[in-house]
């Protein structure tokens, strides 16, 4: 935001961190507007998101000053981009992609789609209505390794902050995931950790569940077990068929994924090993 400085810090916890950070910022004539902090007591880690009124002329100098009063190996970000660039991976389902492209068209969030990449041509014409580049890389008749190599080459044609898997129905290899570590975000059609893998609504219906949900999470090499960013649910009952659950689930998926992208765009999400810290 204009005339504001955003600072993100994570480090080992120690006595006096909030005071040290506040005093350092005051020396740079930065007035704290909000400071949201969290301590993971189990692992003795400190996380903070600070918004200040005022601009810092030399972010590198401020970083150096903060490092002097923080524990060793502290991670500091100052004024990360407030317009996150994203690449969207899709297969055939349109609902999540449609929500993303409409939000971008009306500029309702701080994300900018660089390209959409699909393993089918199904969503090309829709994507191109928004004047967004669409690339098709078919997985058919290719080994998994070759498919991912081609996918990687296409992704790397663009600058990006995150890769959004908007119903991209391919399981990515650990090698691929490691290359884009902390940049891959998936929407999963169930309330994780329940019903991982394929056909979660069929699984849920068979178990007679009373709630269904969706989960946006970072992708790791463990299927559907990455750190969770956002979850939401909807109550259902015995009258719901599998089709009814799918219809209701798609609405939840759209809402959960868009909320996750918004939080990431506003730098409100910090990774904490297998968990996330979300400063809403």
Protein backbone atom coordinates (compact mmCIF):
# COMPACT_ATOMS: atom_id res chain seq x y z
CA UNK A 1 0.00 0.00 0.00
CA UNK A 2 1.14 3.57 -0.69
CA UNK A 3 3.39 5.04 2.00
CA UNK A 4 3.50 1.80 3.96
CA UNK A 5 6.25 -0.67 4.73
CA UNK A 6 5.55 -4.36 5.24
CA UNK A 7 8.03 -6.49 7.17
CA UNK A 8 7.94 -10.27 7.64
CA UNK A 9 10.26 -11.96 10.12
CA UNK A 10 10.74 -15.50 11.35
CA UNK A 11 13.49 -16.57 13.71
CA UNK A 12 14.24 -18.41 16.93
CA UNK A 13 12.29 -17.01 19.86
CA UNK A 14 14.08 -14.90 22.46
CA UNK A 15 13.30 -12.43 25.20
CA UNK A 16 12.74 -8.87 24.01
CA UNK A 17 12.18 -9.51 20.30
CA UNK A 18 9.11 -7.29 20.01
CA UNK A 19 10.88 -4.44 21.81
CA UNK A 20 14.02 -4.85 19.68
CA UNK A 21 12.02 -4.79 16.45
CA UNK A 22 9.92 -1.81 17.56
CA UNK A 23 12.94 0.22 18.63
CA UNK A 24 14.76 -0.51 15.37
CA UNK A 25 11.78 0.56 13.28
CA UNK A 26 11.42 3.74 15.32
CA UNK A 27 15.01 4.68 14.44
CA UNK A 28 13.95 4.59 10.79
CA UNK A 29 10.93 6.81 11.51
CA UNK A 30 8.55 3.93 10.79
CA UNK A 31 5.35 4.06 12.81
CA UNK A 32 3.86 0.62 13.49
CA UNK A 33 0.23 0.35 12.32
CA UNK A 34 -0.23 -3.36 13.01
CA UNK A 35 2.05 -5.99 14.49
CA UNK A 36 0.84 -9.59 14.51
CA UNK A 37 3.14 -12.10 16.13
CA UNK A 38 3.07 -15.79 16.99
CA UNK A 39 5.39 -18.03 18.98
CA UNK A 40 5.57 -21.75 18.28
CA UNK A 41 6.51 -22.84 21.77
CA UNK A 42 7.14 -26.44 20.77
CA UNK A 43 9.94 -25.46 18.38
CA UNK A 44 10.83 -22.11 19.98
CA UNK A 45 10.17 -20.17 16.77
CA UNK A 46 8.94 -16.58 16.44
CA UNK A 47 6.89 -15.18 13.56
CA UNK A 48 5.77 -11.60 13.02
CA UNK A 49 4.08 -9.51 10.33
CA UNK A 50 4.50 -5.77 10.76
CA UNK A 51 2.82 -3.00 8.78
CA UNK A 52 4.31 0.46 9.26
CA UNK A 53 3.30 3.91 8.14
CA UNK A 54 6.18 5.41 6.20
CA UNK A 55 8.63 4.22 3.58
CA UNK A 56 12.15 3.05 4.17
CA UNK A 57 14.72 4.52 1.77
CA UNK A 58 17.18 1.64 2.04
CA UNK A 59 15.57 -1.77 2.75
CA UNK A 60 18.98 -3.47 2.78
CA UNK A 61 20.17 -1.16 5.55
CA UNK A 62 17.00 -1.80 7.57
CA UNK A 63 17.48 -5.53 7.10
CA UNK A 64 21.03 -5.23 8.41
CA UNK A 65 19.85 -3.26 11.43
CA UNK A 66 17.19 -5.83 12.22
CA UNK A 67 19.67 -8.69 11.88
CA UNK A 68 21.78 -7.04 14.59
CA UNK A 69 18.97 -7.31 17.14
CA UNK A 70 17.53 -10.68 16.09
CA UNK A 71 18.81 -14.22 16.72
CA UNK A 72 21.20 -15.71 14.15
CA UNK A 73 19.75 -16.97 10.84
CA UNK A 74 16.65 -14.79 11.08
CA UNK A 75 14.63 -14.58 7.86
CA UNK A 76 13.51 -11.06 6.96
CA UNK A 77 11.44 -9.78 4.06
CA UNK A 78 10.79 -6.09 3.51
CA UNK A 79 8.12 -4.90 1.09
CA UNK A 80 7.61 -8.10 -0.92
CA UNK A 81 5.68 -7.52 -4.13
CA UNK A 82 2.07 -6.56 -3.46
CA UNK A 83 1.03 -7.88 -6.88
CA UNK A 84 1.74 -11.59 -6.84
CA UNK A 85 2.26 -13.29 -10.20
CA UNK A 86 0.66 -16.69 -10.55
CA UNK A 87 0.56 -19.51 -13.09
CA UNK A 88 -2.55 -21.67 -13.05
CA UNK A 89 -2.47 -25.39 -13.88
CA UNK A 90 -5.75 -26.98 -14.98
CA UNK A 91 -7.22 -30.15 -16.44
CA UNK A 92 -10.88 -30.01 -17.50
CA UNK A 93 -12.90 -28.58 -14.61
CA UNK A 94 -13.61 -24.90 -15.06
CA UNK A 95 -15.09 -23.62 -11.79
CA UNK A 96 -11.89 -22.67 -9.94
CA UNK A 97 -10.23 -21.22 -13.04
CA UNK A 98 -13.35 -19.20 -13.85
CA UNK A 99 -13.39 -17.68 -10.38
CA UNK A 100 -9.69 -16.76 -10.63
CA UNK A 101 -10.00 -15.14 -14.06
CA UNK A 102 -13.13 -13.18 -13.16
CA UNK A 103 -11.47 -11.83 -10.01
CA UNK A 104 -8.45 -10.79 -12.03
CA UNK A 105 -10.61 -9.18 -14.73
CA UNK A 106 -12.31 -6.97 -12.13
CA UNK A 107 -9.08 -6.45 -10.16
CA UNK A 108 -10.55 -7.55 -6.86
CA UNK A 109 -7.28 -8.91 -5.45
CA UNK A 110 -3.51 -8.56 -5.64
CA UNK A 111 -2.84 -11.48 -7.98
CA UNK A 112 -2.00 -11.45 -11.67
CA UNK A 113 -2.32 -14.55 -13.83
CA UNK A 114 0.67 -14.88 -16.15
CA UNK A 115 -0.56 -17.98 -17.98
CA UNK A 116 -2.82 -20.99 -17.75
CA UNK A 117 -1.34 -24.39 -18.55
CA UNK A 118 -3.56 -27.42 -19.10
CA UNK A 119 -2.99 -31.05 -19.95
CA UNK A 120 -6.10 -30.88 -22.17
CA UNK A 121 -7.32 -28.22 -24.60
CA UNK A 122 -10.69 -28.04 -22.84
CA UNK A 123 -10.23 -24.65 -21.15
CA UNK A 124 -8.28 -22.86 -23.89
CA UNK A 125 -11.15 -20.92 -25.47
CA UNK A 126 -12.47 -19.82 -22.08
CA UNK A 127 -9.04 -18.65 -20.91
CA UNK A 128 -8.34 -16.74 -24.10
CA UNK A 129 -11.57 -14.76 -23.69
CA UNK A 130 -9.70 -13.01 -20.87
CA UNK A 131 -6.63 -12.46 -23.09
CA UNK A 132 -4.55 -14.78 -20.90
CA UNK A 133 -2.02 -17.09 -22.61
CA UNK A 134 -3.03 -20.75 -22.59
CA UNK A 135 -0.59 -23.59 -23.17
CA UNK A 136 -1.52 -27.23 -23.59
CA UNK A 137 0.96 -29.90 -22.59
CA UNK A 138 -0.67 -33.27 -23.01
CA UNK A 139 0.37 -36.07 -20.70
CA UNK A 140 -0.89 -38.67 -23.16
CA UNK A 141 1.74 -40.87 -24.81
CA UNK A 142 4.45 -39.34 -22.62
CA UNK A 143 6.32 -40.72 -19.68
CA UNK A 144 5.73 -38.89 -16.42
CA UNK A 145 9.30 -37.64 -16.54
CA UNK A 146 8.96 -36.22 -20.06
CA UNK A 147 5.60 -34.65 -19.29
CA UNK A 148 6.99 -32.88 -16.24
CA UNK A 149 10.08 -31.74 -18.15
CA UNK A 150 7.88 -30.09 -20.76
CA UNK A 151 5.65 -28.62 -18.06
CA UNK A 152 8.67 -27.21 -16.27
CA UNK A 153 10.07 -25.66 -19.44
CA UNK A 154 6.77 -23.90 -20.09
CA UNK A 155 6.41 -22.67 -16.51
CA UNK A 156 9.93 -21.25 -16.57
CA UNK A 157 9.06 -19.05 -19.53
CA UNK A 158 7.32 -16.82 -17.00
CA UNK A 159 8.17 -14.96 -13.84
CA UNK A 160 5.92 -16.08 -11.00
CA UNK A 161 5.46 -16.18 -7.26
CA UNK A 162 3.10 -19.14 -7.06
CA UNK A 163 1.82 -22.01 -9.18
CA UNK A 164 -1.85 -22.67 -8.47
CA UNK A 165 -3.17 -26.18 -9.09
CA UNK A 166 -6.80 -25.31 -9.90
CA UNK A 167 -8.17 -28.84 -10.25
CA UNK A 168 -5.02 -30.06 -11.98
CA UNK A 169 -5.65 -33.77 -11.80
CA UNK A 170 -2.10 -35.05 -12.07
CA UNK A 171 0.09 -36.29 -9.24
CA UNK A 172 3.42 -34.48 -9.42
CA UNK A 173 6.68 -36.27 -8.72
CA UNK A 174 8.78 -35.43 -5.64
CA UNK A 175 11.49 -34.16 -8.00
CA UNK A 176 9.12 -31.69 -9.64
CA UNK A 177 7.74 -30.55 -6.29
CA UNK A 178 11.22 -29.98 -4.87
CA UNK A 179 12.14 -27.67 -7.75
CA UNK A 180 9.15 -25.44 -7.00
CA UNK A 181 9.25 -25.84 -3.22
CA UNK A 182 6.92 -23.44 -1.34
CA UNK A 183 5.46 -22.21 -4.62
CA UNK A 184 2.92 -24.94 -5.43
CA UNK A 185 -0.60 -24.48 -4.01
CA UNK A 186 -3.35 -27.07 -4.50
CA UNK A 187 -7.10 -27.08 -3.93
CA UNK A 188 -8.24 -30.45 -2.65
CA UNK A 189 -11.87 -31.44 -2.76
CA UNK A 190 -12.20 -32.66 0.81
CA UNK A 191 -11.64 -31.52 4.36
CA UNK A 192 -8.15 -32.92 4.83
CA UNK A 193 -6.84 -35.15 6.31
CA UNK A 194 -10.09 -37.03 5.61
CA UNK A 195 -10.63 -38.70 2.24
CA UNK A 196 -7.29 -38.06 0.58
CA UNK A 197 -6.72 -39.07 -3.03
CA UNK A 198 -9.37 -39.57 -5.70
CA UNK A 199 -13.18 -39.55 -5.47
CA UNK A 200 -13.47 -37.95 -2.00
CA UNK A 201 -17.19 -37.16 -2.43
CA UNK A 202 -17.91 -40.78 -3.26
CA UNK A 203 -15.92 -41.78 -0.19
CA UNK A 204 -17.78 -39.21 1.91
CA UNK A 205 -21.19 -40.32 0.65
CA UNK A 206 -20.40 -43.95 1.38
CA UNK A 207 -19.49 -43.02 4.96
CA UNK A 208 -22.63 -40.92 5.45
CA UNK A 209 -20.74 -37.80 6.47
CA UNK A 210 -22.58 -34.76 7.81
CA UNK A 211 -20.09 -32.18 6.58
CA UNK A 212 -18.08 -31.81 3.41
CA UNK A 213 -15.28 -29.37 2.80
CA UNK A 214 -12.32 -28.21 0.77
CA UNK A 215 -8.68 -27.54 1.59
CA UNK A 216 -6.09 -25.25 0.00
CA UNK A 217 -2.58 -26.37 0.88
CA UNK A 218 1.03 -26.19 -0.16
CA UNK A 219 2.12 -29.18 -2.23
CA UNK A 220 4.74 -31.53 -0.85
CA UNK A 221 5.96 -34.94 -1.94
CA UNK A 222 3.37 -36.51 0.39
CA UNK A 223 0.05 -36.67 -1.48
CA UNK A 224 -2.47 -34.16 -0.08
CA UNK A 225 -0.49 -33.76 3.14
CA UNK A 226 1.17 -30.37 2.62
CA UNK A 227 0.81 -27.47 5.08
CA UNK A 228 -2.80 -26.25 5.09
CA UNK A 229 -3.54 -22.62 4.20
CA UNK A 230 -7.35 -22.44 4.23
CA UNK A 231 -10.21 -24.86 4.90
CA UNK A 232 -13.98 -24.52 4.92
CA UNK A 233 -16.99 -26.80 5.29
CA UNK A 234 -20.68 -27.12 4.47
CA UNK A 235 -23.23 -29.20 6.35
CA UNK A 236 -24.94 -31.97 4.39
CA UNK A 237 -27.39 -34.72 5.26
CA UNK A 238 -28.71 -38.09 4.13
CA UNK A 239 -30.71 -36.48 1.31
CA UNK A 240 -27.54 -35.47 -0.54
CA UNK A 241 -26.55 -37.67 -3.45
CA UNK A 242 -22.94 -37.87 -4.63
CA UNK A 243 -23.88 -35.39 -7.38
CA UNK A 244 -25.34 -32.98 -4.81
CA UNK A 245 -22.15 -33.22 -2.79
CA UNK A 246 -20.02 -32.52 -5.85
CA UNK A 247 -22.12 -29.44 -6.72
CA UNK A 248 -21.91 -28.09 -3.17
CA UNK A 249 -18.23 -28.99 -3.00
CA UNK A 250 -17.36 -26.97 -6.07
CA UNK A 251 -18.72 -23.82 -4.45
CA UNK A 252 -16.59 -24.46 -1.37
CA UNK A 253 -13.53 -25.18 -3.52
CA UNK A 254 -13.84 -21.84 -5.33
CA UNK A 255 -14.21 -19.91 -2.09
CA UNK A 256 -11.35 -21.69 -0.33
CA UNK A 257 -8.90 -21.34 -3.22
CA UNK A 258 -9.67 -17.66 -3.81
CA UNK A 259 -9.24 -16.95 -0.10
CA UNK A 260 -5.90 -18.76 -0.08
CA UNK A 261 -4.67 -16.76 -3.09
CA UNK A 262 -5.78 -13.53 -1.43
CA UNK A 263 -3.92 -14.39 1.79
CA UNK A 264 -0.78 -15.26 -0.18
CA UNK A 265 -1.07 -12.07 -2.21
CA UNK A 266 -1.20 -10.04 0.97
CA UNK A 267 1.77 -11.92 2.49
CA UNK A 268 -0.31 -13.21 5.39
CA UNK A 269 0.91 -16.81 5.17
CA UNK A 270 4.20 -18.05 6.63
CA UNK A 271 5.43 -21.63 6.44
CA UNK A 272 6.22 -23.34 9.72
CA UNK A 273 7.55 -26.78 8.79
CA UNK A 274 4.42 -28.93 8.37
CA UNK A 275 2.06 -26.12 9.35
CA UNK A 276 1.34 -22.54 8.35
CA UNK A 277 0.98 -19.33 10.31
CA UNK A 278 -1.86 -17.28 8.80
CA UNK A 279 -2.14 -13.67 9.98
CA UNK A 280 -5.68 -12.76 8.95
